[in-house]
Amino acid sequence: MGREIRDTLRLKVTKDFKYNKYSCTATEEDMESDRSDLVQINPLYLDDILLYMNGEIKSNIELNENAPLIISCRVDGNPAPTIRLSRSLSNTQLRKIQGTWLNYTRNTAQCTDTDTYICSRSSTGFINTDKVININVLCNTRFDKAGRFKSTYGSKSGIDTTINVAVPNIANPPPQSSDFKWDGPVQVSARTTISTGDVSYKHVIESFIPMKDHTYFGNYTLSYKGQTVTRMTINAEDNLLENSSMESSGAFKRYRNIHQKSNYGEESTQLQTQNMTHHYDDLQGTDVDQLEAQNMTQHYDDVQGRVEEGNYTDLKGDNTAAEGDYTELGQCDPETPYEEL
């Protein structure tokens, strides 16, 4: 064998065929060459995505709340591909596996499961692709606990006065504003509008409740087609301010010690004085100077009496004299530590 011979074996490789190991050798007359190393044919492939919803291949599906929800992605390939399932609006990856099947199960679907779901595949040497399925979960109107809601309001009353109340809501399909009703201390006709948020099942119910007079203050209930959605309270703002003012004003008492010294020792008698303070409403039109004249405040500083010639203090009697000043004190029980002015 004086020369080199080349030949090529061509096979049509398919993914479903199981190939044996191959080798080659050359012979000429009584001569045979060494056998080549074994060659294993390993077909590489990546199938398209099969996306199932509750066992059916669909791109759009609608189901009622609390029904089971099962999403399955099947991708066959060699090597085993990576499969991912994610949600579009929330941009959340739900599951990731390396293999042929990916399953995602929700035993009871909720309105918040409404979204576009994306199943994607990836494998070395192949182009990444994906498929989507739109899932729409139907649900009844209810209060959205995750939303912002103010349950207590303060307001004045008047023929043109209204309270703007915003109630977060979940519903799919969107509710009708005409089916909302407010019940309160009196029958009210509240104007109601509906706005939809970033997702199709979240809404804000905005109502404008009139506060014509004091009979409109109290507790209110919002219902939709006769079913209670939420409750809130509207209080009289004037009453709230009046109560706060009454708590912060009023009469208060102060006590002063009168230290009295004599040749027989030091005695201390505590006098009680009342600072009488009155609260007047400017809206009544009362003259301020007249109010100040009527606001009588008696203030006693510490008085020190020293027994000297012509200056004496008689604690046992009814009268106290100090340098010509005369103050009349009522007789008190000796067991009482205070003297009444």
C-alpha atoms as a PDB file:
ATOM      1  CA  MET A   1       0.000   0.000   0.000  1.00  0.00           C
ATOM      2  CA  GLY A   2       2.083   2.783  -1.345  1.00  0.00           C
ATOM      3  CA  ARG A   3      -0.343   5.666  -1.188  1.00  0.00           C
ATOM      4  CA  GLU A   4      -2.928   7.256   1.093  1.00  0.00           C
ATOM      5  CA  ILE A   5      -6.584   6.785   0.313  1.00  0.00           C
ATOM      6  CA  ARG A   6      -9.321   9.040   1.689  1.00  0.00           C
ATOM      7  CA  ASP A   7     -13.022   8.375   1.678  1.00  0.00           C
ATOM      8  CA  THR A   8     -15.984   9.971   3.427  1.00  0.00           C
ATOM      9  CA  LEU A   9     -18.994   8.285   4.978  1.00  0.00           C
ATOM     10  CA  ARG A  10     -22.056  10.491   4.887  1.00  0.00           C
ATOM     11  CA  LEU A  11     -25.059   9.783   7.090  1.00  0.00           C
ATOM     12  CA  LYS A  12     -28.327  11.623   7.483  1.00  0.00           C
ATOM     13  CA  VAL A  13     -28.482  12.266  11.194  1.00  0.00           C
ATOM     14  CA  THR A  14     -31.909  12.396  12.839  1.00  0.00           C
ATOM     15  CA  LYS A  15     -32.709  12.921  16.484  1.00  0.00           C
ATOM     16  CA  ASP A  16     -34.958   9.860  16.746  1.00  0.00           C
ATOM     17  CA  PHE A  17     -32.379   7.357  15.431  1.00  0.00           C
ATOM     18  CA  LYS A  18     -30.074   5.571  17.826  1.00  0.00           C
ATOM     19  CA  TYR A  19     -26.637   5.383  16.281  1.00  0.00           C
ATOM     20  CA  ASN A  20     -23.929   2.807  16.906  1.00  0.00           C
ATOM     21  CA  LYS A  21     -20.258   3.618  17.234  1.00  0.00           C
ATOM     22  CA  TYR A  22     -18.353   3.773  13.956  1.00  0.00           C
ATOM     23  CA  SER A  23     -14.744   3.072  12.849  1.00  0.00           C
ATOM     24  CA  CYS A  24     -12.963   2.543   9.496  1.00  0.00           C
ATOM     25  CA  THR A  25     -10.170   0.349   8.043  1.00  0.00           C
ATOM     26  CA  ALA A  26      -8.494  -0.115   4.627  1.00  0.00           C
ATOM     27  CA  THR A  27      -7.596  -3.380   2.849  1.00  0.00           C
ATOM     28  CA  GLU A  28      -5.617  -4.203  -0.316  1.00  0.00           C
ATOM     29  CA  GLU A  29      -5.089  -7.797  -1.499  1.00  0.00           C
ATOM     30  CA  ASP A  30      -3.773  -9.593   1.564  1.00  0.00           C
ATOM     31  CA  MET A  31      -3.071  -6.456   3.516  1.00  0.00           C
ATOM     32  CA  GLU A  32      -5.349  -4.582   6.009  1.00  0.00           C
ATOM     33  CA  SER A  33      -4.724  -1.346   7.815  1.00  0.00           C
ATOM     34  CA  ASP A  34      -5.236  -0.666  11.470  1.00  0.00           C
ATOM     35  CA  ARG A  35      -8.798   0.141  12.539  1.00  0.00           C
ATOM     36  CA  SER A  36      -9.449   3.771  13.332  1.00  0.00           C
ATOM     37  CA  ASP A  37     -10.731   5.071  16.634  1.00  0.00           C
ATOM     38  CA  LEU A  38     -14.414   4.604  17.287  1.00  0.00           C
ATOM     39  CA  VAL A  39     -16.683   7.494  16.395  1.00  0.00           C
ATOM     40  CA  GLN A  40     -19.960   8.114  18.228  1.00  0.00           C
ATOM     41  CA  ILE A  41     -22.637  10.082  16.403  1.00  0.00           C
ATOM     42  CA  ASN A  42     -24.509  12.339  18.824  1.00  0.00           C
ATOM     43  CA  PRO A  43     -27.239  14.431  17.147  1.00  0.00           C
ATOM     44  CA  LEU A  44     -27.672  17.921  18.669  1.00  0.00           C
ATOM     45  CA  TYR A  45     -31.129  19.481  18.394  1.00  0.00           C
ATOM     46  CA  LEU A  46     -33.585  21.787  20.125  1.00  0.00           C
ATOM     47  CA  ASP A  47     -37.328  21.448  19.565  1.00  0.00           C
ATOM     48  CA  ASP A  48     -39.928  24.188  19.601  1.00  0.00           C
ATOM     49  CA  ILE A  49     -41.762  25.047  22.812  1.00  0.00           C
ATOM     50  CA  LEU A  50     -45.079  23.402  23.569  1.00  0.00           C
ATOM     51  CA  LEU A  51     -47.053  25.499  26.048  1.00  0.00           C
ATOM     52  CA  TYR A  52     -50.028  23.955  27.842  1.00  0.00           C
ATOM     53  CA  MET A  53     -52.671  25.508  30.065  1.00  0.00           C
ATOM     54  CA  ASN A  54     -54.626  22.934  32.098  1.00  0.00           C
ATOM     55  CA  GLY A  55     -53.622  20.309  29.564  1.00  0.00           C
ATOM     56  CA  GLU A  56     -54.584  22.307  26.471  1.00  0.00           C
ATOM     57  CA  ILE A  57     -52.392  24.166  24.018  1.00  0.00           C
ATOM     58  CA  LYS A  58     -53.782  27.695  23.975  1.00  0.00           C
ATOM     59  CA  SER A  59     -52.477  31.228  23.677  1.00  0.00           C
ATOM     60  CA  ASN A  60     -55.415  32.848  25.554  1.00  0.00           C
ATOM     61  CA  ILE A  61     -57.497  31.407  28.354  1.00  0.00           C
ATOM     62  CA  GLU A  62     -60.147  32.750  30.741  1.00  0.00           C
ATOM     63  CA  LEU A  63     -61.107  31.071  34.014  1.00  0.00           C
ATOM     64  CA  ASN A  64     -63.005  31.848  37.207  1.00  0.00           C
ATOM     65  CA  GLU A  65     -61.337  32.683  40.489  1.00  0.00           C
ATOM     66  CA  ASN A  66     -60.505  29.661  42.732  1.00  0.00           C
ATOM     67  CA  ALA A  67     -60.271  27.305  39.714  1.00  0.00           C
ATOM     68  CA  PRO A  68     -57.044  25.253  39.378  1.00  0.00           C
ATOM     69  CA  LEU A  69     -54.293  26.717  37.216  1.00  0.00           C
ATOM     70  CA  ILE A  70     -51.584  24.472  35.709  1.00  0.00           C
ATOM     71  CA  ILE A  71     -49.043  25.788  33.214  1.00  0.00           C
ATOM     72  CA  SER A  72     -46.712  23.312  31.470  1.00  0.00           C
ATOM     73  CA  CYS A  73     -43.769  23.968  29.144  1.00  0.00           C
ATOM     74  CA  ARG A  74     -42.271  21.106  27.108  1.00  0.00           C
ATOM     75  CA  VAL A  75     -38.991  21.480  25.213  1.00  0.00           C
ATOM     76  CA  ASP A  76     -37.083  18.472  23.899  1.00  0.00           C
ATOM     77  CA  GLY A  77     -33.421  18.861  23.006  1.00  0.00           C
ATOM     78  CA  ASN A  78     -29.914  17.526  23.141  1.00  0.00           C
ATOM     79  CA  PRO A  79     -28.271  18.627  25.279  1.00  0.00           C
ATOM     80  CA  ALA A  80     -31.097  19.137  27.749  1.00  0.00           C
ATOM     81  CA  PRO A  81     -32.280  22.744  27.393  1.00  0.00           C
ATOM     82  CA  THR A  82     -32.898  25.295  30.146  1.00  0.00           C
ATOM     83  CA  ILE A  83     -36.577  26.214  30.482  1.00  0.00           C
ATOM     84  CA  ARG A  84     -37.897  29.283  32.309  1.00  0.00           C
ATOM     85  CA  LEU A  85     -41.415  30.475  33.170  1.00  0.00           C
ATOM     86  CA  SER A  86     -41.990  34.126  34.082  1.00  0.00           C
ATOM     87  CA  ARG A  87     -44.725  36.757  34.371  1.00  0.00           C
ATOM     88  CA  SER A  88     -44.662  39.765  32.072  1.00  0.00           C
ATOM     89  CA  LEU A  89     -46.271  42.605  34.092  1.00  0.00           C
ATOM     90  CA  SER A  90     -44.581  41.811  37.391  1.00  0.00           C
ATOM     91  CA  ASN A  91     -41.322  40.814  35.649  1.00  0.00           C
ATOM     92  CA  THR A  92     -41.043  37.809  37.969  1.00  0.00           C
ATOM     93  CA  GLN A  93     -39.415  34.460  37.225  1.00  0.00           C
ATOM     94  CA  LEU A  94     -41.633  31.684  38.592  1.00  0.00           C
ATOM     95  CA  ARG A  95     -39.589  28.563  37.804  1.00  0.00           C
ATOM     96  CA  LYS A  96     -36.395  27.429  36.080  1.00  0.00           C
ATOM     97  CA  ILE A  97     -35.331  23.862  35.241  1.00  0.00           C
ATOM     98  CA  GLN A  98     -32.916  22.006  32.965  1.00  0.00           C
ATOM     99  CA  GLY A  99     -34.756  19.193  31.269  1.00  0.00           C
ATOM    100  CA  THR A 100     -37.769  18.520  29.106  1.00  0.00           C
ATOM    101  CA  TRP A 101     -40.796  19.495  31.250  1.00  0.00           C
ATOM    102  CA  LEU A 102     -41.506  22.532  33.410  1.00  0.00           C
ATOM    103  CA  ASN A 103     -44.749  22.572  35.446  1.00  0.00           C
ATOM    104  CA  TYR A 104     -46.224  25.424  37.475  1.00  0.00           C
ATOM    105  CA  THR A 105     -49.382  24.867  39.561  1.00  0.00           C
ATOM    106  CA  ARG A 106     -51.799  27.151  41.390  1.00  0.00           C
ATOM    107  CA  ASN A 107     -54.432  25.096  43.191  1.00  0.00           C
ATOM    108  CA  THR A 108     -56.823  28.071  43.369  1.00  0.00           C
ATOM    109  CA  ALA A 109     -56.297  30.859  40.866  1.00  0.00           C
ATOM    110  CA  GLN A 110     -56.779  34.424  42.117  1.00  0.00           C
ATOM    111  CA  CYS A 111     -57.614  37.643  40.338  1.00  0.00           C
ATOM    112  CA  THR A 112     -54.017  38.715  40.927  1.00  0.00           C
ATOM    113  CA  ASP A 113     -52.860  35.799  38.732  1.00  0.00           C
ATOM    114  CA  THR A 114     -54.156  37.653  35.677  1.00  0.00           C
ATOM    115  CA  ASP A 115     -51.106  38.273  33.500  1.00  0.00           C
ATOM    116  CA  THR A 116     -49.137  37.287  30.405  1.00  0.00           C
ATOM    117  CA  TYR A 117     -46.949  34.237  31.114  1.00  0.00           C
ATOM    118  CA  ILE A 118     -43.742  33.624  29.145  1.00  0.00           C
ATOM    119  CA  CYS A 119     -42.080  30.239  28.598  1.00  0.00           C
ATOM    120  CA  SER A 120     -38.545  30.497  27.194  1.00  0.00           C
ATOM    121  CA  ARG A 121     -35.890  27.982  26.143  1.00  0.00           C
ATOM    122  CA  SER A 122     -32.117  28.191  25.799  1.00  0.00           C
ATOM    123  CA  SER A 123     -29.365  25.766  24.767  1.00  0.00           C
ATOM    124  CA  THR A 124     -25.739  26.170  23.716  1.00  0.00           C
ATOM    125  CA  GLY A 125     -25.405  26.566  19.955  1.00  0.00           C
ATOM    126  CA  PHE A 126     -29.084  27.413  19.404  1.00  0.00           C
ATOM    127  CA  ILE A 127     -31.123  30.603  19.239  1.00  0.00           C
ATOM    128  CA  ASN A 128     -33.200  31.359  22.335  1.00  0.00           C
ATOM    129  CA  THR A 129     -36.940  31.499  21.741  1.00  0.00           C
ATOM    130  CA  ASP A 130     -40.099  31.866  23.836  1.00  0.00           C
ATOM    131  CA  LYS A 131     -43.880  31.511  23.750  1.00  0.00           C
ATOM    132  CA  VAL A 132     -46.561  33.390  25.687  1.00  0.00           C
ATOM    133  CA  ILE A 133     -50.008  32.637  27.058  1.00  0.00           C
ATOM    134  CA  ASN A 134     -52.496  35.259  28.273  1.00  0.00           C
ATOM    135  CA  ILE A 135     -54.409  34.223  31.398  1.00  0.00           C
ATOM    136  CA  ASN A 136     -57.443  36.220  32.522  1.00  0.00           C
ATOM    137  CA  VAL A 137     -58.910  35.308  35.928  1.00  0.00           C
ATOM    138  CA  LEU A 138     -62.458  36.571  36.536  1.00  0.00           C
ATOM    139  CA  CYS A 139     -63.324  37.742  40.058  1.00  0.00           C
ATOM    140  CA  ASN A 140     -66.087  39.578  41.921  1.00  0.00           C
ATOM    141  CA  THR A 141     -65.747  43.148  43.181  1.00  0.00           C
ATOM    142  CA  ARG A 142     -64.063  43.423  46.582  1.00  0.00           C
ATOM    143  CA  PHE A 143     -62.015  45.810  48.745  1.00  0.00           C
ATOM    144  CA  ASP A 144     -58.274  45.868  47.969  1.00  0.00           C
ATOM    145  CA  LYS A 145     -56.519  45.444  51.342  1.00  0.00           C
ATOM    146  CA  ALA A 146     -53.152  46.276  49.761  1.00  0.00           C
ATOM    147  CA  GLY A 147     -54.363  49.684  48.544  1.00  0.00           C
ATOM    148  CA  ARG A 148     -54.316  53.052  50.323  1.00  0.00           C
ATOM    149  CA  PHE A 149     -57.540  53.876  52.157  1.00  0.00           C
ATOM    150  CA  LYS A 150     -58.585  56.509  54.707  1.00  0.00           C
ATOM    151  CA  SER A 151     -61.350  55.247  56.994  1.00  0.00           C
ATOM    152  CA  THR A 152     -61.995  58.428  59.063  1.00  0.00           C
ATOM    153  CA  TYR A 153     -62.601  61.969  57.798  1.00  0.00           C
ATOM    154  CA  GLY A 154     -63.224  65.328  59.492  1.00  0.00           C
ATOM    155  CA  SER A 155     -65.318  67.932  57.709  1.00  0.00           C
ATOM    156  CA  LYS A 156     -67.385  71.047  58.068  1.00  0.00           C
ATOM    157  CA  SER A 157     -70.941  71.150  56.753  1.00  0.00           C
ATOM    158  CA  GLY A 158     -72.497  73.397  54.155  1.00  0.00           C
ATOM    159  CA  ILE A 159     -74.694  73.385  51.104  1.00  0.00           C
ATOM    160  CA  ASP A 160     -71.650  73.183  48.768  1.00  0.00           C
ATOM    161  CA  THR A 161     -69.418  71.036  51.013  1.00  0.00           C
ATOM    162  CA  THR A 162     -68.415  67.539  49.808  1.00  0.00           C
ATOM    163  CA  ILE A 163     -65.998  64.840  50.968  1.00  0.00           C
ATOM    164  CA  ASN A 164     -63.808  63.124  48.365  1.00  0.00           C
ATOM    165  CA  VAL A 165     -63.471  59.425  49.310  1.00  0.00           C
ATOM    166  CA  ALA A 166     -61.118  57.047  47.415  1.00  0.00           C
ATOM    167  CA  VAL A 167     -61.644  53.290  47.850  1.00  0.00           C
ATOM    168  CA  PRO A 168     -59.131  50.744  46.365  1.00  0.00           C
ATOM    169  CA  ASN A 169     -60.904  47.872  44.648  1.00  0.00           C
ATOM    170  CA  ILE A 170     -60.219  44.560  42.908  1.00  0.00           C
ATOM    171  CA  ALA A 171     -62.565  43.375  40.158  1.00  0.00           C
ATOM    172  CA  ASN A 172     -62.366  41.610  36.803  1.00  0.00           C
ATOM    173  CA  PRO A 173     -64.099  42.668  34.646  1.00  0.00           C
ATOM    174  CA  PRO A 174     -64.136  46.300  35.888  1.00  0.00           C
ATOM    175  CA  PRO A 175     -67.179  47.261  38.009  1.00  0.00           C
ATOM    176  CA  GLN A 176     -69.903  49.674  36.939  1.00  0.00           C
ATOM    177  CA  SER A 177     -70.013  52.974  38.844  1.00  0.00           C
ATOM    178  CA  SER A 178     -73.826  52.969  38.832  1.00  0.00           C
ATOM    179  CA  ASP A 179     -73.867  49.763  40.925  1.00  0.00           C
ATOM    180  CA  PHE A 180     -72.046  51.381  43.883  1.00  0.00           C
ATOM    181  CA  LYS A 181     -74.126  52.806  46.731  1.00  0.00           C
ATOM    182  CA  TRP A 182     -73.299  54.719  49.929  1.00  0.00           C
ATOM    183  CA  ASP A 183     -75.548  54.229  52.977  1.00  0.00           C
ATOM    184  CA  GLY A 184     -75.223  56.589  55.952  1.00  0.00           C
ATOM    185  CA  PRO A 185     -77.147  58.618  58.547  1.00  0.00           C
ATOM    186  CA  VAL A 186     -79.186  60.131  55.689  1.00  0.00           C
ATOM    187  CA  GLN A 187     -79.848  59.081  52.128  1.00  0.00           C
ATOM    188  CA  VAL A 188     -77.065  60.488  49.934  1.00  0.00           C
ATOM    189  CA  SER A 189     -76.607  60.674  46.201  1.00  0.00           C
ATOM    190  CA  ALA A 190     -72.827  60.446  45.782  1.00  0.00           C
ATOM    191  CA  ARG A 191     -71.186  61.000  42.411  1.00  0.00           C
ATOM    192  CA  THR A 192     -68.847  58.041  41.765  1.00  0.00           C
ATOM    193  CA  THR A 193     -66.099  57.527  39.168  1.00  0.00           C
ATOM    194  CA  ILE A 194     -63.785  54.561  38.471  1.00  0.00           C
ATOM    195  CA  SER A 195     -60.141  54.609  37.372  1.00  0.00           C
ATOM    196  CA  THR A 196     -58.019  51.564  36.491  1.00  0.00           C
ATOM    197  CA  GLY A 197     -54.451  51.174  37.753  1.00  0.00           C
ATOM    198  CA  ASP A 198     -51.360  49.568  36.220  1.00  0.00           C
ATOM    199  CA  VAL A 199     -53.080  46.168  36.034  1.00  0.00           C
ATOM    200  CA  SER A 200     -56.519  45.421  34.622  1.00  0.00           C
ATOM    201  CA  TYR A 201     -58.012  44.083  37.862  1.00  0.00           C
ATOM    202  CA  LYS A 202     -57.068  47.001  40.190  1.00  0.00           C
ATOM    203  CA  HIS A 203     -59.328  50.062  40.365  1.00  0.00           C
ATOM    204  CA  VAL A 204     -59.971  53.135  42.521  1.00  0.00           C
ATOM    205  CA  ILE A 205     -63.581  54.016  43.333  1.00  0.00           C
ATOM    206  CA  GLU A 206     -63.775  57.791  43.880  1.00  0.00           C
ATOM    207  CA  SER A 207     -66.956  59.189  45.441  1.00  0.00           C
ATOM    208  CA  PHE A 208     -68.003  62.753  46.292  1.00  0.00           C
ATOM    209  CA  ILE A 209     -70.292  62.671  49.358  1.00  0.00           C
ATOM    210  CA  PRO A 210     -72.253  65.842  50.226  1.00  0.00           C
ATOM    211  CA  MET A 211     -72.113  67.310  53.769  1.00  0.00           C
ATOM    212  CA  LYS A 212     -75.091  69.703  53.635  1.00  0.00           C
ATOM    213  CA  ASP A 213     -75.666  69.923  57.392  1.00  0.00           C
ATOM    214  CA  HIS A 214     -74.823  68.201  60.709  1.00  0.00           C
ATOM    215  CA  THR A 215     -77.235  65.318  60.017  1.00  0.00           C
ATOM    216  CA  TYR A 216     -74.817  64.037  57.357  1.00  0.00           C
ATOM    217  CA  PHE A 217     -72.062  63.255  59.885  1.00  0.00           C
ATOM    218  CA  GLY A 218     -71.656  59.614  60.991  1.00  0.00           C
ATOM    219  CA  ASN A 219     -70.839  56.124  59.675  1.00  0.00           C
ATOM    220  CA  TYR A 220     -71.096  55.211  55.987  1.00  0.00           C
ATOM    221  CA  THR A 221     -71.117  51.819  54.203  1.00  0.00           C
ATOM    222  CA  LEU A 222     -70.115  51.291  50.564  1.00  0.00           C
ATOM    223  CA  SER A 223     -71.843  48.382  48.800  1.00  0.00           C
ATOM    224  CA  TYR A 224     -71.730  46.955  45.286  1.00  0.00           C
ATOM    225  CA  LYS A 225     -74.878  45.259  44.036  1.00  0.00           C
ATOM    226  CA  GLY A 226     -75.996  44.883  47.650  1.00  0.00           C
ATOM    227  CA  GLN A 227     -72.703  43.365  48.883  1.00  0.00           C
ATOM    228  CA  THR A 228     -70.682  45.361  51.446  1.00  0.00           C
ATOM    229  CA  VAL A 229     -67.305  46.588  50.176  1.00  0.00           C
ATOM    230  CA  THR A 230     -66.043  48.744  53.086  1.00  0.00           C
ATOM    231  CA  ARG A 231     -67.044  51.228  55.804  1.00  0.00           C
ATOM    232  CA  MET A 232     -65.809  54.674  56.858  1.00  0.00           C
ATOM    233  CA  THR A 233     -66.707  57.555  59.235  1.00  0.00           C
ATOM    234  CA  ILE A 234     -67.142  61.303  58.685  1.00  0.00           C
ATOM    235  CA  ASN A 235     -66.938  63.441  61.843  1.00  0.00           C
ATOM    236  CA  ALA A 236     -67.861  67.076  62.401  1.00  0.00           C
ATOM    237  CA  GLU A 237     -64.636  69.074  62.205  1.00  0.00           C
ATOM    238  CA  ASP A 238     -66.118  71.940  64.293  1.00  0.00           C
ATOM    239  CA  ASN A 239     -66.860  69.570  67.180  1.00  0.00           C
ATOM    240  CA  LEU A 240     -63.363  68.129  67.049  1.00  0.00           C
ATOM    241  CA  LEU A 241     -61.819  71.610  67.348  1.00  0.00           C
ATOM    242  CA  GLU A 242     -64.193  72.601  70.172  1.00  0.00           C
ATOM    243  CA  ASN A 243     -63.415  69.477  72.200  1.00  0.00           C
ATOM    244  CA  SER A 244     -59.679  70.014  71.738  1.00  0.00           C
ATOM    245  CA  SER A 245     -59.985  73.641  72.907  1.00  0.00           C
ATOM    246  CA  MET A 246     -61.978  72.671  75.994  1.00  0.00           C
ATOM    247  CA  GLU A 247     -59.389  70.104  76.992  1.00  0.00           C
ATOM    248  CA  SER A 248     -56.506  72.592  76.687  1.00  0.00           C
ATOM    249  CA  SER A 249     -58.242  75.447  78.568  1.00  0.00           C
ATOM    250  CA  GLY A 250     -59.909  75.806  81.972  1.00  0.00           C
ATOM    251  CA  ALA A 251     -59.003  76.640  85.533  1.00  0.00           C
ATOM    252  CA  PHE A 252     -55.846  75.346  87.160  1.00  0.00           C
ATOM    253  CA  LYS A 253     -54.495  75.629  90.697  1.00  0.00           C
ATOM    254  CA  ARG A 254     -51.140  76.762  92.024  1.00  0.00           C
ATOM    255  CA  TYR A 255     -49.700  76.548  95.416  1.00  0.00           C
ATOM    256  CA  ARG A 256     -47.248  78.930  97.133  1.00  0.00           C
ATOM    257  CA  ASN A 257     -45.419  78.478 100.326  1.00  0.00           C
ATOM    258  CA  ILE A 258     -45.504  81.252 102.849  1.00  0.00           C
ATOM    259  CA  HIS A 259     -42.418  81.059 104.959  1.00  0.00           C
ATOM    260  CA  GLN A 260     -42.817  82.742 108.247  1.00  0.00           C
ATOM    261  CA  LYS A 261     -40.016  83.286 110.719  1.00  0.00           C
ATOM    262  CA  SER A 262     -40.288  84.255 114.353  1.00  0.00           C
ATOM    263  CA  ASN A 263     -38.182  84.171 117.537  1.00  0.00           C
ATOM    264  CA  TYR A 264     -39.836  80.853 118.348  1.00  0.00           C
ATOM    265  CA  GLY A 265     -38.737  79.057 115.130  1.00  0.00           C
ATOM    266  CA  GLU A 266     -39.703  78.746 111.458  1.00  0.00           C
ATOM    267  CA  GLU A 267     -43.122  77.661 110.329  1.00  0.00           C
ATOM    268  CA  SER A 268     -44.337  77.063 106.749  1.00  0.00           C
ATOM    269  CA  THR A 269     -47.909  77.431 105.672  1.00  0.00           C
ATOM    270  CA  GLN A 270     -48.935  76.537 102.122  1.00  0.00           C
ATOM    271  CA  LEU A 271     -51.558  78.706 100.551  1.00  0.00           C
ATOM    272  CA  GLN A 272     -53.756  77.599  97.656  1.00  0.00           C
ATOM    273  CA  THR A 273     -54.517  80.072  94.929  1.00  0.00           C
ATOM    274  CA  GLN A 274     -56.736  79.584  91.945  1.00  0.00           C
ATOM    275  CA  ASN A 275     -55.836  81.030  88.593  1.00  0.00           C
ATOM    276  CA  MET A 276     -59.171  81.524  86.930  1.00  0.00           C
ATOM    277  CA  THR A 277     -58.832  81.567  83.144  1.00  0.00           C
ATOM    278  CA  HIS A 278     -61.751  81.937  80.796  1.00  0.00           C
ATOM    279  CA  HIS A 279     -61.872  80.923  77.099  1.00  0.00           C
ATOM    280  CA  TYR A 280     -63.852  83.236  74.838  1.00  0.00           C
ATOM    281  CA  ASP A 281     -64.727  82.694  71.185  1.00  0.00           C
ATOM    282  CA  ASP A 282     -63.685  85.627  68.970  1.00  0.00           C
ATOM    283  CA  LEU A 283     -66.585  84.815  66.640  1.00  0.00           C
ATOM    284  CA  GLN A 284     -69.068  86.093  69.269  1.00  0.00           C
ATOM    285  CA  GLY A 285     -67.808  89.691  68.799  1.00  0.00           C
ATOM    286  CA  THR A 286     -67.070  90.301  72.504  1.00  0.00           C
ATOM    287  CA  ASP A 287     -64.832  93.260  73.331  1.00  0.00           C
ATOM    288  CA  VAL A 288     -61.326  91.985  74.101  1.00  0.00           C
ATOM    289  CA  ASP A 289     -60.556  94.677  76.689  1.00  0.00           C
ATOM    290  CA  GLN A 290     -63.729  93.827  78.551  1.00  0.00           C
ATOM    291  CA  LEU A 291     -62.811  90.152  78.648  1.00  0.00           C
ATOM    292  CA  GLU A 292     -59.360  90.953  79.984  1.00  0.00           C
ATOM    293  CA  ALA A 293     -60.883  93.054  82.757  1.00  0.00           C
ATOM    294  CA  GLN A 294     -63.113  90.125  83.729  1.00  0.00           C
ATOM    295  CA  ASN A 295     -60.287  87.633  83.774  1.00  0.00           C
ATOM    296  CA  MET A 296     -59.329  87.862  87.463  1.00  0.00           C
ATOM    297  CA  THR A 297     -56.074  86.235  88.417  1.00  0.00           C
ATOM    298  CA  GLN A 298     -54.808  86.394  91.956  1.00  0.00           C
ATOM    299  CA  HIS A 299     -51.135  85.752  92.435  1.00  0.00           C
ATOM    300  CA  TYR A 300     -49.374  85.399  95.747  1.00  0.00           C
ATOM    301  CA  ASP A 301     -45.603  85.348  95.979  1.00  0.00           C
ATOM    302  CA  ASP A 302     -43.688  83.916  98.878  1.00  0.00           C
ATOM    303  CA  VAL A 303     -44.264  86.064 101.899  1.00  0.00           C
ATOM    304  CA  GLN A 304     -41.718  86.065 104.685  1.00  0.00           C
ATOM    305  CA  GLY A 305     -42.776  87.509 107.978  1.00  0.00           C
ATOM    306  CA  ARG A 306     -40.168  88.459 110.551  1.00  0.00           C
ATOM    307  CA  VAL A 307     -41.128  89.393 114.090  1.00  0.00           C
ATOM    308  CA  GLU A 308     -39.833  92.897 114.679  1.00  0.00           C
ATOM    309  CA  GLU A 309     -41.118  95.970 116.517  1.00  0.00           C
ATOM    310  CA  GLY A 310     -44.267  97.156 114.781  1.00  0.00           C
ATOM    311  CA  ASN A 311     -44.216  94.230 112.336  1.00  0.00           C
ATOM    312  CA  TYR A 312     -45.903  91.094 113.580  1.00  0.00           C
ATOM    313  CA  THR A 313     -47.782  88.075 112.277  1.00  0.00           C
ATOM    314  CA  ASP A 314     -50.501  86.465 114.346  1.00  0.00           C
ATOM    315  CA  LEU A 315     -51.042  82.973 112.923  1.00  0.00           C
ATOM    316  CA  LYS A 316     -53.457  82.017 115.666  1.00  0.00           C
ATOM    317  CA  GLY A 317     -55.881  84.798 114.900  1.00  0.00           C
ATOM    318  CA  ASP A 318     -57.828  85.801 111.847  1.00  0.00           C
ATOM    319  CA  ASN A 319     -55.642  88.704 110.765  1.00  0.00           C
ATOM    320  CA  THR A 320     -52.129  89.076 109.374  1.00  0.00           C
ATOM    321  CA  ALA A 321     -50.395  92.454 109.352  1.00  0.00           C
ATOM    322  CA  ALA A 322     -47.111  93.345 107.664  1.00  0.00           C
ATOM    323  CA  GLU A 323     -45.879  96.957 107.426  1.00  0.00           C
ATOM    324  CA  GLY A 324     -49.297  98.441 107.248  1.00  0.00           C
ATOM    325  CA  ASP A 325     -50.603  95.937 104.661  1.00  0.00           C
ATOM    326  CA  TYR A 326     -53.689  94.127 105.839  1.00  0.00           C
ATOM    327  CA  THR A 327     -54.865  90.818 104.446  1.00  0.00           C
ATOM    328  CA  GLU A 328     -57.774  88.914 105.894  1.00  0.00           C
ATOM    329  CA  LEU A 329     -57.395  85.169 106.082  1.00  0.00           C
ATOM    330  CA  GLY A 330     -60.248  82.934 107.097  1.00  0.00           C
ATOM    331  CA  GLN A 331     -59.866  80.711 110.150  1.00  0.00           C
ATOM    332  CA  CYS A 332     -58.838  77.202 109.063  1.00  0.00           C
ATOM    333  CA  ASP A 333     -58.804  73.826 110.611  1.00  0.00           C
ATOM    334  CA  PRO A 334     -55.332  73.375 112.220  1.00  0.00           C
ATOM    335  CA  GLU A 335     -55.114  69.893 110.651  1.00  0.00           C
ATOM    336  CA  THR A 336     -55.500  71.302 107.131  1.00  0.00           C
ATOM    337  CA  PRO A 337     -52.119  72.082 105.491  1.00  0.00           C
ATOM    338  CA  TYR A 338     -53.609  74.782 103.249  1.00  0.00           C
ATOM    339  CA  GLU A 339     -55.304  78.108 103.971  1.00  0.00           C
ATOM    340  CA  GLU A 340     -58.159  79.191 101.701  1.00  0.00           C
ATOM    341  CA  LEU A 341     -57.894  82.636 100.110  1.00  0.00           C
END
